[in-house]
Amino acid sequence: MQHSPSPNIPSTAVDVDLGLRLLRTMRRIRAFEEGIEALFLAGRVPGFVHLSIGQEAVAAGVCGVLRPTDYIASTHRGHGHTLAKGSPMDRMTAELMGRSTGLCKGKGGSMHVADFSCGMLGANGVVAGGFGLVAGAALSQKVLGKDGVAVCFFGDGATNRGPFHENLNLSAVWNLPAIFVLEANAYASTTPTRETTKIEHLAVRADAYGIPYEIADGFDAFAVLAATQRAVERARAGGGPTFLEFDTYRMRGHYVGDPERYRERAEVNAHKSDDPIVRMEAVLAEHGVDRAALERVALEAAEEFEAAVAFAEASPFPDPSEALVGALARDREIPNDRGWDA
């Protein structure tokens, strides 16, 4: 089992077309996150919003390996994962703006958005809430004799909760095609990881369950993709689960509007050079991609978000009479043979 940090891909091995694909995904996520932040602050997005700015390379690199039929489960910070897995930006935007054309008809919002059509099993307002979903999805692939995989995204704080340990153990014992992706951004909500965990790398906890792990640079989309590719190939071949730790950083507060009294501004500024988009653009520029092409990628992402907002604003709010449609057993066509009061 590989237990050492994976090296960054050398510049001589850069695939420019792949780099542009990863950059487009990261730019789409960044445009969405910055746009949603502005809409929220303007009072046009209800509820709470948690942004993944600075962590785009993980979503792009991991989902860049997956098939549409593979599964993922996300966290309360799940916009980037959802977009990277293939959800359309216009319906994502409509969902966050509470419109009936949203992915969940405006009922899920930011923290509970889901899109089963592309294998996105849901963002989750409960810390560590995705582990059981992924273990179940991975088990389904094994029982059905398919070679699909299921990926669980989670943060530092989830590794100190029961579902993390229970489902890693279950996945190891049953040799499930599950991949556990830690976005190690140094915080659990507003608490530094160093204050709650004694070990430097949380990935070593996988050892206790006999699960191989790999640690890679979460700001480098190439490195993320390469590590994920190894884990996915192993899972599809029947090799069981893998734990991936991607060291990254959350450039915004825990939520939009967070006063961030728990960290110094100098700490945040020190990570600006780690920006995964800046890094990717620098690498591509070194390999012959001109500035105009890079700017075009950013412009296309911004235009897509602008169109998504127009789509959302032209969409109606859900009718109050449909508040429980889809929530009851009879609406979901699930046999209610236990006499539950639906």
C-alpha atoms as a PDB file:
ATOM      1  CA  MET A   1       0.000   0.000   0.000  1.00  0.00           C
ATOM      2  CA  GLN A   2       1.239   3.472  -0.846  1.00  0.00           C
ATOM      3  CA  HIS A   3       1.566   5.606   2.271  1.00  0.00           C
ATOM      4  CA  SER A   4       3.706   8.463   1.012  1.00  0.00           C
ATOM      5  CA  PRO A   5       2.824  11.859  -0.428  1.00  0.00           C
ATOM      6  CA  SER A   6       2.568  11.700  -4.202  1.00  0.00           C
ATOM      7  CA  PRO A   7       4.925  14.022  -6.088  1.00  0.00           C
ATOM      8  CA  ASN A   8       3.645  16.824  -8.282  1.00  0.00           C
ATOM      9  CA  ILE A   9       3.533  15.941 -11.950  1.00  0.00           C
ATOM     10  CA  PRO A  10       6.703  17.321 -13.591  1.00  0.00           C
ATOM     11  CA  SER A  11       6.236  20.098 -16.111  1.00  0.00           C
ATOM     12  CA  THR A  12       7.591  17.875 -18.901  1.00  0.00           C
ATOM     13  CA  ALA A  13       4.575  15.568 -18.426  1.00  0.00           C
ATOM     14  CA  VAL A  14       1.908  18.276 -18.747  1.00  0.00           C
ATOM     15  CA  ASP A  15      -0.997  17.429 -21.046  1.00  0.00           C
ATOM     16  CA  VAL A  16      -2.140  20.861 -22.237  1.00  0.00           C
ATOM     17  CA  ASP A  17      -5.561  19.687 -23.417  1.00  0.00           C
ATOM     18  CA  LEU A  18      -6.176  18.022 -20.057  1.00  0.00           C
ATOM     19  CA  GLY A  19      -4.960  21.143 -18.283  1.00  0.00           C
ATOM     20  CA  LEU A  20      -7.404  23.307 -20.224  1.00  0.00           C
ATOM     21  CA  ARG A  21     -10.230  20.926 -19.379  1.00  0.00           C
ATOM     22  CA  LEU A  22      -9.371  21.102 -15.682  1.00  0.00           C
ATOM     23  CA  LEU A  23      -9.025  24.877 -15.880  1.00  0.00           C
ATOM     24  CA  ARG A  24     -12.487  25.195 -17.449  1.00  0.00           C
ATOM     25  CA  THR A  25     -14.000  23.205 -14.613  1.00  0.00           C
ATOM     26  CA  MET A  26     -12.194  25.271 -11.985  1.00  0.00           C
ATOM     27  CA  ARG A  27     -13.157  28.522 -13.695  1.00  0.00           C
ATOM     28  CA  ARG A  28     -16.807  27.459 -13.854  1.00  0.00           C
ATOM     29  CA  ILE A  29     -16.747  26.672 -10.133  1.00  0.00           C
ATOM     30  CA  ARG A  30     -15.008  29.955  -9.296  1.00  0.00           C
ATOM     31  CA  ALA A  31     -17.456  31.989 -11.392  1.00  0.00           C
ATOM     32  CA  PHE A  32     -20.367  30.245  -9.717  1.00  0.00           C
ATOM     33  CA  GLU A  33     -19.019  30.662  -6.180  1.00  0.00           C
ATOM     34  CA  GLU A  34     -18.121  34.320  -6.584  1.00  0.00           C
ATOM     35  CA  GLY A  35     -21.429  35.012  -8.302  1.00  0.00           C
ATOM     36  CA  ILE A  36     -23.475  33.229  -5.636  1.00  0.00           C
ATOM     37  CA  GLU A  37     -21.539  35.099  -2.946  1.00  0.00           C
ATOM     38  CA  ALA A  38     -22.553  38.412  -4.507  1.00  0.00           C
ATOM     39  CA  LEU A  39     -26.176  37.318  -4.899  1.00  0.00           C
ATOM     40  CA  PHE A  40     -26.342  36.131  -1.301  1.00  0.00           C
ATOM     41  CA  LEU A  41     -24.951  39.391   0.036  1.00  0.00           C
ATOM     42  CA  ALA A  42     -27.531  41.214  -2.082  1.00  0.00           C
ATOM     43  CA  GLY A  43     -30.299  39.198  -0.438  1.00  0.00           C
ATOM     44  CA  ARG A  44     -31.179  37.244  -3.591  1.00  0.00           C
ATOM     45  CA  VAL A  45     -30.154  33.779  -2.309  1.00  0.00           C
ATOM     46  CA  PRO A  46     -31.929  32.431   0.807  1.00  0.00           C
ATOM     47  CA  GLY A  47     -30.508  30.267   3.579  1.00  0.00           C
ATOM     48  CA  PHE A  48     -26.820  29.762   4.271  1.00  0.00           C
ATOM     49  CA  VAL A  49     -24.046  29.513   1.678  1.00  0.00           C
ATOM     50  CA  HIS A  50     -20.649  27.831   2.133  1.00  0.00           C
ATOM     51  CA  LEU A  51     -18.098  28.498  -0.614  1.00  0.00           C
ATOM     52  CA  SER A  52     -15.295  26.298  -1.929  1.00  0.00           C
ATOM     53  CA  ILE A  53     -13.114  29.090  -3.316  1.00  0.00           C
ATOM     54  CA  GLY A  54      -9.507  27.851  -3.161  1.00  0.00           C
ATOM     55  CA  GLN A  55     -10.513  24.187  -3.246  1.00  0.00           C
ATOM     56  CA  GLU A  56     -11.543  23.959  -6.914  1.00  0.00           C
ATOM     57  CA  ALA A  57      -8.666  21.688  -7.916  1.00  0.00           C
ATOM     58  CA  VAL A  58     -10.015  18.858  -5.762  1.00  0.00           C
ATOM     59  CA  ALA A  59     -13.479  18.900  -7.331  1.00  0.00           C
ATOM     60  CA  ALA A  60     -12.076  19.242 -10.855  1.00  0.00           C
ATOM     61  CA  GLY A  61      -9.373  16.596 -10.457  1.00  0.00           C
ATOM     62  CA  VAL A  62     -11.509  13.980  -8.715  1.00  0.00           C
ATOM     63  CA  CYS A  63     -14.608  14.323 -10.874  1.00  0.00           C
ATOM     64  CA  GLY A  64     -12.434  14.578 -13.980  1.00  0.00           C
ATOM     65  CA  VAL A  65     -11.730  10.855 -13.587  1.00  0.00           C
ATOM     66  CA  LEU A  66     -15.278   9.708 -12.888  1.00  0.00           C
ATOM     67  CA  ARG A  67     -17.939   8.439 -15.257  1.00  0.00           C
ATOM     68  CA  PRO A  68     -21.466   9.893 -15.283  1.00  0.00           C
ATOM     69  CA  THR A  69     -22.648   6.597 -13.772  1.00  0.00           C
ATOM     70  CA  ASP A  70     -20.259   6.805 -10.804  1.00  0.00           C
ATOM     71  CA  TYR A  71     -21.529   8.277  -7.554  1.00  0.00           C
ATOM     72  CA  ILE A  72     -20.425  11.086  -5.277  1.00  0.00           C
ATOM     73  CA  ALA A  73     -21.682  12.453  -1.967  1.00  0.00           C
ATOM     74  CA  SER A  74     -20.697  15.898  -0.810  1.00  0.00           C
ATOM     75  CA  THR A  75     -20.694  18.190   2.212  1.00  0.00           C
ATOM     76  CA  HIS A  76     -22.353  21.498   3.105  1.00  0.00           C
ATOM     77  CA  ARG A  77     -19.615  22.988   0.843  1.00  0.00           C
ATOM     78  CA  GLY A  78     -20.759  21.116  -2.233  1.00  0.00           C
ATOM     79  CA  HIS A  79     -21.313  23.514  -5.139  1.00  0.00           C
ATOM     80  CA  GLY A  80     -17.983  22.710  -6.782  1.00  0.00           C
ATOM     81  CA  HIS A  81     -18.432  18.943  -6.532  1.00  0.00           C
ATOM     82  CA  THR A  82     -21.931  19.185  -8.012  1.00  0.00           C
ATOM     83  CA  LEU A  83     -20.830  21.260 -10.995  1.00  0.00           C
ATOM     84  CA  ALA A  84     -17.728  19.143 -11.603  1.00  0.00           C
ATOM     85  CA  LYS A  85     -19.814  15.954 -11.603  1.00  0.00           C
ATOM     86  CA  GLY A  86     -21.930  17.319 -14.420  1.00  0.00           C
ATOM     87  CA  SER A  87     -24.918  19.195 -13.030  1.00  0.00           C
ATOM     88  CA  PRO A  88     -26.011  22.088 -15.284  1.00  0.00           C
ATOM     89  CA  MET A  89     -25.146  25.500 -13.887  1.00  0.00           C
ATOM     90  CA  ASP A  90     -28.505  27.042 -14.730  1.00  0.00           C
ATOM     91  CA  ARG A  91     -30.471  24.500 -12.696  1.00  0.00           C
ATOM     92  CA  MET A  92     -27.896  24.721  -9.902  1.00  0.00           C
ATOM     93  CA  THR A  93     -28.370  28.468  -9.764  1.00  0.00           C
ATOM     94  CA  ALA A  94     -32.137  28.118  -9.831  1.00  0.00           C
ATOM     95  CA  GLU A  95     -31.932  25.687  -6.926  1.00  0.00           C
ATOM     96  CA  LEU A  96     -29.911  28.057  -4.770  1.00  0.00           C
ATOM     97  CA  MET A  97     -32.277  30.882  -5.647  1.00  0.00           C
ATOM     98  CA  GLY A  98     -35.245  28.761  -4.551  1.00  0.00           C
ATOM     99  CA  ARG A  99     -36.892  28.412  -7.952  1.00  0.00           C
ATOM    100  CA  SER A 100     -39.057  25.555  -9.171  1.00  0.00           C
ATOM    101  CA  THR A 101     -36.682  24.845 -12.086  1.00  0.00           C
ATOM    102  CA  GLY A 102     -33.874  24.021  -9.656  1.00  0.00           C
ATOM    103  CA  LEU A 103     -32.331  20.584  -9.428  1.00  0.00           C
ATOM    104  CA  CYS A 104     -34.501  19.844  -6.386  1.00  0.00           C
ATOM    105  CA  LYS A 105     -37.355  22.167  -7.402  1.00  0.00           C
ATOM    106  CA  GLY A 106     -36.005  24.832  -5.080  1.00  0.00           C
ATOM    107  CA  LYS A 107     -36.449  22.688  -1.967  1.00  0.00           C
ATOM    108  CA  GLY A 108     -32.849  21.646  -1.300  1.00  0.00           C
ATOM    109  CA  GLY A 109     -30.960  24.890  -1.609  1.00  0.00           C
ATOM    110  CA  SER A 110     -27.222  25.208  -1.145  1.00  0.00           C
ATOM    111  CA  MET A 111     -26.662  22.602   1.563  1.00  0.00           C
ATOM    112  CA  HIS A 112     -28.973  19.888   0.254  1.00  0.00           C
ATOM    113  CA  VAL A 113     -28.674  20.087  -3.506  1.00  0.00           C
ATOM    114  CA  ALA A 114     -28.641  16.731  -5.299  1.00  0.00           C
ATOM    115  CA  ASP A 115     -28.706  15.511  -8.883  1.00  0.00           C
ATOM    116  CA  PHE A 116     -29.237  11.780  -9.277  1.00  0.00           C
ATOM    117  CA  SER A 117     -29.071  12.097 -13.078  1.00  0.00           C
ATOM    118  CA  CYS A 118     -25.301  12.516 -12.862  1.00  0.00           C
ATOM    119  CA  GLY A 119     -24.683  10.412  -9.754  1.00  0.00           C
ATOM    120  CA  MET A 120     -24.571  13.323  -7.309  1.00  0.00           C
ATOM    121  CA  LEU A 121     -26.244  11.832  -4.216  1.00  0.00           C
ATOM    122  CA  GLY A 122     -26.411  15.117  -2.376  1.00  0.00           C
ATOM    123  CA  ALA A 123     -24.703  17.846  -0.466  1.00  0.00           C
ATOM    124  CA  ASN A 124     -25.275  17.410   3.247  1.00  0.00           C
ATOM    125  CA  GLY A 125     -25.844  19.793   6.110  1.00  0.00           C
ATOM    126  CA  VAL A 126     -24.793  17.058   8.542  1.00  0.00           C
ATOM    127  CA  VAL A 127     -21.045  16.704   9.047  1.00  0.00           C
ATOM    128  CA  ALA A 128     -20.025  13.175   7.989  1.00  0.00           C
ATOM    129  CA  GLY A 129     -23.487  12.636   6.523  1.00  0.00           C
ATOM    130  CA  GLY A 130     -22.199  11.374   3.184  1.00  0.00           C
ATOM    131  CA  PHE A 131     -20.284   8.304   4.365  1.00  0.00           C
ATOM    132  CA  GLY A 132     -23.285   6.009   4.629  1.00  0.00           C
ATOM    133  CA  LEU A 133     -24.572   7.144   1.227  1.00  0.00           C
ATOM    134  CA  VAL A 134     -21.267   6.291  -0.402  1.00  0.00           C
ATOM    135  CA  ALA A 135     -20.853   2.955   1.356  1.00  0.00           C
ATOM    136  CA  GLY A 136     -24.360   2.036   0.230  1.00  0.00           C
ATOM    137  CA  ALA A 137     -23.765   3.170  -3.350  1.00  0.00           C
ATOM    138  CA  ALA A 138     -20.480   1.270  -3.483  1.00  0.00           C
ATOM    139  CA  LEU A 139     -22.175  -1.835  -2.096  1.00  0.00           C
ATOM    140  CA  SER A 140     -24.842  -1.584  -4.790  1.00  0.00           C
ATOM    141  CA  GLN A 141     -22.159  -1.673  -7.479  1.00  0.00           C
ATOM    142  CA  LYS A 142     -20.601  -4.765  -5.969  1.00  0.00           C
ATOM    143  CA  VAL A 143     -23.904  -6.590  -5.498  1.00  0.00           C
ATOM    144  CA  LEU A 144     -24.980  -5.774  -9.063  1.00  0.00           C
ATOM    145  CA  GLY A 145     -21.636  -6.901 -10.478  1.00  0.00           C
ATOM    146  CA  LYS A 146     -20.848  -3.466 -11.941  1.00  0.00           C
ATOM    147  CA  ASP A 147     -17.509  -1.666 -11.961  1.00  0.00           C
ATOM    148  CA  GLY A 148     -18.801   1.699 -10.793  1.00  0.00           C
ATOM    149  CA  VAL A 149     -17.227   3.570  -7.891  1.00  0.00           C
ATOM    150  CA  ALA A 150     -18.571   5.874  -5.196  1.00  0.00           C
ATOM    151  CA  VAL A 151     -16.674   8.881  -3.855  1.00  0.00           C
ATOM    152  CA  CYS A 152     -17.211  10.570  -0.507  1.00  0.00           C
ATOM    153  CA  PHE A 153     -15.975  14.151  -0.131  1.00  0.00           C
ATOM    154  CA  PHE A 154     -15.479  15.342   3.437  1.00  0.00           C
ATOM    155  CA  GLY A 155     -13.526  17.792   5.548  1.00  0.00           C
ATOM    156  CA  ASP A 156     -11.199  17.637   8.529  1.00  0.00           C
ATOM    157  CA  GLY A 157     -13.959  17.730  11.132  1.00  0.00           C
ATOM    158  CA  ALA A 158     -15.725  14.657   9.741  1.00  0.00           C
ATOM    159  CA  THR A 159     -12.782  12.422  10.647  1.00  0.00           C
ATOM    160  CA  ASN A 160     -13.623  12.855  14.342  1.00  0.00           C
ATOM    161  CA  ARG A 161     -17.208  11.660  13.950  1.00  0.00           C
ATOM    162  CA  GLY A 162     -18.646   8.163  14.194  1.00  0.00           C
ATOM    163  CA  PRO A 163     -19.899   7.683  10.605  1.00  0.00           C
ATOM    164  CA  PHE A 164     -16.347   8.202   9.320  1.00  0.00           C
ATOM    165  CA  HIS A 165     -14.996   5.271  11.312  1.00  0.00           C
ATOM    166  CA  GLU A 166     -18.030   3.023  10.891  1.00  0.00           C
ATOM    167  CA  ASN A 167     -18.171   3.321   7.127  1.00  0.00           C
ATOM    168  CA  LEU A 168     -14.424   3.108   6.538  1.00  0.00           C
ATOM    169  CA  ASN A 169     -14.413  -0.110   8.520  1.00  0.00           C
ATOM    170  CA  LEU A 170     -17.447  -1.472   6.662  1.00  0.00           C
ATOM    171  CA  SER A 171     -15.994  -0.543   3.272  1.00  0.00           C
ATOM    172  CA  ALA A 172     -12.709  -2.246   4.112  1.00  0.00           C
ATOM    173  CA  VAL A 173     -14.304  -5.426   5.455  1.00  0.00           C
ATOM    174  CA  TRP A 174     -16.593  -5.751   2.430  1.00  0.00           C
ATOM    175  CA  ASN A 175     -13.890  -4.569  -0.021  1.00  0.00           C
ATOM    176  CA  LEU A 176     -16.174  -1.947  -1.514  1.00  0.00           C
ATOM    177  CA  PRO A 177     -15.293   0.272  -4.505  1.00  0.00           C
ATOM    178  CA  ALA A 178     -15.404   3.399  -2.336  1.00  0.00           C
ATOM    179  CA  ILE A 179     -12.987   6.325  -2.445  1.00  0.00           C
ATOM    180  CA  PHE A 180     -12.784   8.636   0.530  1.00  0.00           C
ATOM    181  CA  VAL A 181     -11.597  12.131  -0.393  1.00  0.00           C
ATOM    182  CA  LEU A 182     -10.469  14.401   2.423  1.00  0.00           C
ATOM    183  CA  GLU A 183     -10.319  18.088   1.534  1.00  0.00           C
ATOM    184  CA  ALA A 184      -7.847  18.957   4.273  1.00  0.00           C
ATOM    185  CA  ASN A 185      -8.413  22.706   4.521  1.00  0.00           C
ATOM    186  CA  ALA A 186      -7.042  23.080   8.067  1.00  0.00           C
ATOM    187  CA  TYR A 187     -10.388  23.845   9.714  1.00  0.00           C
ATOM    188  CA  ALA A 188     -13.486  22.145  11.045  1.00  0.00           C
ATOM    189  CA  SER A 189     -16.015  24.955  10.794  1.00  0.00           C
ATOM    190  CA  THR A 190     -14.283  27.645  12.902  1.00  0.00           C
ATOM    191  CA  THR A 191     -11.875  25.366  14.790  1.00  0.00           C
ATOM    192  CA  PRO A 192      -8.309  24.765  13.552  1.00  0.00           C
ATOM    193  CA  THR A 193      -7.647  21.080  12.956  1.00  0.00           C
ATOM    194  CA  ARG A 194      -4.429  21.334  14.959  1.00  0.00           C
ATOM    195  CA  GLU A 195      -6.513  21.994  18.077  1.00  0.00           C
ATOM    196  CA  THR A 196      -8.635  18.863  17.729  1.00  0.00           C
ATOM    197  CA  THR A 197      -6.286  16.309  16.173  1.00  0.00           C
ATOM    198  CA  LYS A 198      -2.795  15.353  17.208  1.00  0.00           C
ATOM    199  CA  ILE A 199      -1.599  13.770  13.951  1.00  0.00           C
ATOM    200  CA  GLU A 200      -0.261  15.823  11.054  1.00  0.00           C
ATOM    201  CA  HIS A 201      -1.969  13.887   8.276  1.00  0.00           C
ATOM    202  CA  LEU A 202      -5.446  12.545   8.927  1.00  0.00           C
ATOM    203  CA  ALA A 203      -5.009   9.990   6.157  1.00  0.00           C
ATOM    204  CA  VAL A 204      -2.971   7.769   8.465  1.00  0.00           C
ATOM    205  CA  ARG A 205      -6.249   6.853  10.176  1.00  0.00           C
ATOM    206  CA  ALA A 206      -7.028   4.711   7.143  1.00  0.00           C
ATOM    207  CA  ASP A 207      -4.253   2.357   8.277  1.00  0.00           C
ATOM    208  CA  ALA A 208      -6.394   1.236  11.202  1.00  0.00           C
ATOM    209  CA  TYR A 209      -8.884  -0.226   8.744  1.00  0.00           C
ATOM    210  CA  GLY A 210      -6.405  -1.704   6.295  1.00  0.00           C
ATOM    211  CA  ILE A 211      -7.205   0.919   3.657  1.00  0.00           C
ATOM    212  CA  PRO A 212      -4.353   2.278   1.519  1.00  0.00           C
ATOM    213  CA  TYR A 213      -3.983   6.019   1.427  1.00  0.00           C
ATOM    214  CA  GLU A 214      -2.279   8.674  -0.613  1.00  0.00           C
ATOM    215  CA  ILE A 215      -1.499  12.295   0.212  1.00  0.00           C
ATOM    216  CA  ALA A 216      -1.256  14.830  -2.601  1.00  0.00           C
ATOM    217  CA  ASP A 217      -1.169  18.565  -3.281  1.00  0.00           C
ATOM    218  CA  GLY A 218      -4.780  19.719  -3.335  1.00  0.00           C
ATOM    219  CA  PHE A 219      -3.886  22.956  -5.101  1.00  0.00           C
ATOM    220  CA  ASP A 220      -2.533  21.035  -8.111  1.00  0.00           C
ATOM    221  CA  ALA A 221      -5.373  19.697 -10.260  1.00  0.00           C
ATOM    222  CA  PHE A 222      -2.959  17.431 -12.140  1.00  0.00           C
ATOM    223  CA  ALA A 223      -1.782  15.831  -8.900  1.00  0.00           C
ATOM    224  CA  VAL A 224      -5.364  15.400  -7.692  1.00  0.00           C
ATOM    225  CA  LEU A 225      -6.410  13.762 -10.935  1.00  0.00           C
ATOM    226  CA  ALA A 226      -3.408  11.415 -10.986  1.00  0.00           C
ATOM    227  CA  ALA A 227      -3.982  10.219  -7.411  1.00  0.00           C
ATOM    228  CA  THR A 228      -7.690   9.765  -8.067  1.00  0.00           C
ATOM    229  CA  GLN A 229      -6.979   7.826 -11.256  1.00  0.00           C
ATOM    230  CA  ARG A 230      -4.912   5.328  -9.282  1.00  0.00           C
ATOM    231  CA  ALA A 231      -7.641   4.932  -6.677  1.00  0.00           C
ATOM    232  CA  VAL A 232     -10.392   4.549  -9.269  1.00  0.00           C
ATOM    233  CA  GLU A 233      -8.475   1.965 -11.262  1.00  0.00           C
ATOM    234  CA  ARG A 234      -7.858   0.005  -8.092  1.00  0.00           C
ATOM    235  CA  ALA A 235     -11.536   0.146  -7.105  1.00  0.00           C
ATOM    236  CA  ARG A 236     -12.808  -0.847 -10.555  1.00  0.00           C
ATOM    237  CA  ALA A 237     -10.438  -3.825 -10.558  1.00  0.00           C
ATOM    238  CA  GLY A 238     -11.861  -5.089  -7.267  1.00  0.00           C
ATOM    239  CA  GLY A 239      -9.065  -3.794  -5.061  1.00  0.00           C
ATOM    240  CA  GLY A 240     -11.382  -2.117  -2.572  1.00  0.00           C
ATOM    241  CA  PRO A 241     -11.429   1.343  -0.991  1.00  0.00           C
ATOM    242  CA  THR A 242      -8.749   4.038  -0.984  1.00  0.00           C
ATOM    243  CA  PHE A 243      -8.321   7.111   1.190  1.00  0.00           C
ATOM    244  CA  LEU A 244      -7.079  10.275  -0.549  1.00  0.00           C
ATOM    245  CA  GLU A 245      -5.956  13.333   1.395  1.00  0.00           C
ATOM    246  CA  PHE A 246      -5.650  16.528  -0.596  1.00  0.00           C
ATOM    247  CA  ASP A 247      -4.080  19.401   1.316  1.00  0.00           C
ATOM    248  CA  THR A 248      -5.894  22.586   0.396  1.00  0.00           C
ATOM    249  CA  TYR A 249      -7.211  25.763   1.990  1.00  0.00           C
ATOM    250  CA  ARG A 250     -10.534  27.545   2.322  1.00  0.00           C
ATOM    251  CA  MET A 251     -10.027  31.099   1.040  1.00  0.00           C
ATOM    252  CA  ARG A 252     -13.362  32.320   2.381  1.00  0.00           C
ATOM    253  CA  GLY A 253     -14.889  31.980   5.826  1.00  0.00           C
ATOM    254  CA  HIS A 254     -16.865  28.977   6.945  1.00  0.00           C
ATOM    255  CA  TYR A 255     -19.966  30.634   5.489  1.00  0.00           C
ATOM    256  CA  VAL A 256     -20.684  33.831   3.602  1.00  0.00           C
ATOM    257  CA  GLY A 257     -20.730  36.573   6.209  1.00  0.00           C
ATOM    258  CA  ASP A 258     -18.431  34.743   8.608  1.00  0.00           C
ATOM    259  CA  PRO A 259     -16.452  37.382  10.575  1.00  0.00           C
ATOM    260  CA  GLU A 260     -13.511  34.923  10.722  1.00  0.00           C
ATOM    261  CA  ARG A 261     -12.351  35.851  14.208  1.00  0.00           C
ATOM    262  CA  TYR A 262     -10.680  32.469  14.508  1.00  0.00           C
ATOM    263  CA  ARG A 263      -7.898  33.160  11.983  1.00  0.00           C
ATOM    264  CA  GLU A 264      -5.610  36.009  11.063  1.00  0.00           C
ATOM    265  CA  ARG A 265      -5.888  37.740   7.700  1.00  0.00           C
ATOM    266  CA  ALA A 266      -2.144  37.206   7.234  1.00  0.00           C
ATOM    267  CA  GLU A 267      -2.747  33.455   7.252  1.00  0.00           C
ATOM    268  CA  VAL A 268      -5.283  33.739   4.457  1.00  0.00           C
ATOM    269  CA  ASN A 269      -3.045  36.054   2.443  1.00  0.00           C
ATOM    270  CA  ALA A 270      -0.159  33.612   2.768  1.00  0.00           C
ATOM    271  CA  HIS A 271      -2.198  31.067   0.788  1.00  0.00           C
ATOM    272  CA  LYS A 272      -3.029  33.340  -2.133  1.00  0.00           C
ATOM    273  CA  SER A 273      -0.059  32.050  -4.094  1.00  0.00           C
ATOM    274  CA  ASP A 274      -1.556  28.554  -3.732  1.00  0.00           C
ATOM    275  CA  ASP A 275      -4.640  29.516  -5.747  1.00  0.00           C
ATOM    276  CA  PRO A 276      -5.214  26.439  -7.954  1.00  0.00           C
ATOM    277  CA  ILE A 277      -6.446  28.519 -10.884  1.00  0.00           C
ATOM    278  CA  VAL A 278      -3.399  30.784 -10.796  1.00  0.00           C
ATOM    279  CA  ARG A 279      -1.179  27.720 -10.626  1.00  0.00           C
ATOM    280  CA  MET A 280      -2.836  26.010 -13.568  1.00  0.00           C
ATOM    281  CA  GLU A 281      -2.754  29.131 -15.699  1.00  0.00           C
ATOM    282  CA  ALA A 282       0.953  29.553 -14.971  1.00  0.00           C
ATOM    283  CA  VAL A 283       1.701  25.965 -16.004  1.00  0.00           C
ATOM    284  CA  LEU A 284      -0.327  26.254 -19.189  1.00  0.00           C
ATOM    285  CA  ALA A 285       1.316  29.557 -20.068  1.00  0.00           C
ATOM    286  CA  GLU A 286       4.710  27.895 -19.678  1.00  0.00           C
ATOM    287  CA  HIS A 287       3.580  25.279 -22.185  1.00  0.00           C
ATOM    288  CA  GLY A 288       2.456  27.607 -24.926  1.00  0.00           C
ATOM    289  CA  VAL A 289      -1.114  28.594 -24.058  1.00  0.00           C
ATOM    290  CA  ASP A 290      -1.406  32.327 -24.702  1.00  0.00           C
ATOM    291  CA  ARG A 291      -2.987  34.795 -22.329  1.00  0.00           C
ATOM    292  CA  ALA A 292      -5.939  35.421 -24.639  1.00  0.00           C
ATOM    293  CA  ALA A 293      -6.913  31.740 -24.518  1.00  0.00           C
ATOM    294  CA  LEU A 294      -6.730  31.715 -20.713  1.00  0.00           C
ATOM    295  CA  GLU A 295      -8.820  34.869 -20.487  1.00  0.00           C
ATOM    296  CA  ARG A 296     -11.367  33.321 -22.837  1.00  0.00           C
ATOM    297  CA  VAL A 297     -11.851  30.396 -20.450  1.00  0.00           C
ATOM    298  CA  ALA A 298     -12.597  32.825 -17.616  1.00  0.00           C
ATOM    299  CA  LEU A 299     -14.934  34.900 -19.789  1.00  0.00           C
ATOM    300  CA  GLU A 300     -16.916  31.859 -20.925  1.00  0.00           C
ATOM    301  CA  ALA A 301     -17.410  30.801 -17.298  1.00  0.00           C
ATOM    302  CA  ALA A 302     -18.599  34.274 -16.330  1.00  0.00           C
ATOM    303  CA  GLU A 303     -21.019  34.373 -19.263  1.00  0.00           C
ATOM    304  CA  GLU A 304     -22.377  30.943 -18.339  1.00  0.00           C
ATOM    305  CA  PHE A 305     -23.113  32.133 -14.821  1.00  0.00           C
ATOM    306  CA  GLU A 306     -24.753  35.307 -16.093  1.00  0.00           C
ATOM    307  CA  ALA A 307     -27.033  33.207 -18.291  1.00  0.00           C
ATOM    308  CA  ALA A 308     -27.737  30.868 -15.359  1.00  0.00           C
ATOM    309  CA  VAL A 309     -28.890  33.786 -13.207  1.00  0.00           C
ATOM    310  CA  ALA A 310     -31.161  35.002 -16.015  1.00  0.00           C
ATOM    311  CA  PHE A 311     -32.644  31.497 -16.267  1.00  0.00           C
ATOM    312  CA  ALA A 312     -33.236  31.353 -12.522  1.00  0.00           C
ATOM    313  CA  GLU A 313     -34.785  34.792 -12.290  1.00  0.00           C
ATOM    314  CA  ALA A 314     -37.145  33.968 -15.159  1.00  0.00           C
ATOM    315  CA  SER A 315     -38.292  30.858 -13.296  1.00  0.00           C
ATOM    316  CA  PRO A 316     -41.199  30.825 -10.824  1.00  0.00           C
ATOM    317  CA  PHE A 317     -40.949  30.087  -7.142  1.00  0.00           C
ATOM    318  CA  PRO A 318     -42.432  26.725  -6.115  1.00  0.00           C
ATOM    319  CA  ASP A 319     -46.166  26.721  -5.450  1.00  0.00           C
ATOM    320  CA  PRO A 320     -46.792  26.326  -1.692  1.00  0.00           C
ATOM    321  CA  SER A 321     -49.276  23.567  -2.487  1.00  0.00           C
ATOM    322  CA  GLU A 322     -46.359  21.432  -3.710  1.00  0.00           C
ATOM    323  CA  ALA A 323     -44.352  21.713  -0.502  1.00  0.00           C
ATOM    324  CA  LEU A 324     -44.797  18.021   0.342  1.00  0.00           C
ATOM    325  CA  VAL A 325     -44.889  16.644  -3.201  1.00  0.00           C
ATOM    326  CA  GLY A 326     -42.133  14.049  -3.440  1.00  0.00           C
ATOM    327  CA  ALA A 327     -41.789  13.864   0.339  1.00  0.00           C
ATOM    328  CA  LEU A 328     -44.422  11.222   1.005  1.00  0.00           C
ATOM    329  CA  ALA A 329     -44.172   7.493   0.420  1.00  0.00           C
ATOM    330  CA  ARG A 330     -47.012   7.507  -2.105  1.00  0.00           C
ATOM    331  CA  ASP A 331     -45.426  10.327  -4.099  1.00  0.00           C
ATOM    332  CA  ARG A 332     -42.161   8.409  -4.349  1.00  0.00           C
ATOM    333  CA  GLU A 333     -43.994   5.231  -5.394  1.00  0.00           C
ATOM    334  CA  ILE A 334     -42.499   3.427  -2.404  1.00  0.00           C
ATOM    335  CA  PRO A 335     -44.656   0.635  -0.963  1.00  0.00           C
ATOM    336  CA  ASN A 336     -45.966   1.761   2.423  1.00  0.00           C
ATOM    337  CA  ASP A 337     -46.458  -1.711   3.901  1.00  0.00           C
ATOM    338  CA  ARG A 338     -45.444  -0.804   7.426  1.00  0.00           C
ATOM    339  CA  GLY A 339     -48.465   1.325   8.156  1.00  0.00           C
ATOM    340  CA  TRP A 340     -46.491   4.570   8.428  1.00  0.00           C
ATOM    341  CA  ASP A 341     -48.544   7.725   8.640  1.00  0.00           C
ATOM    342  CA  ALA A 342     -47.582   9.285   5.332  1.00  0.00           C
END
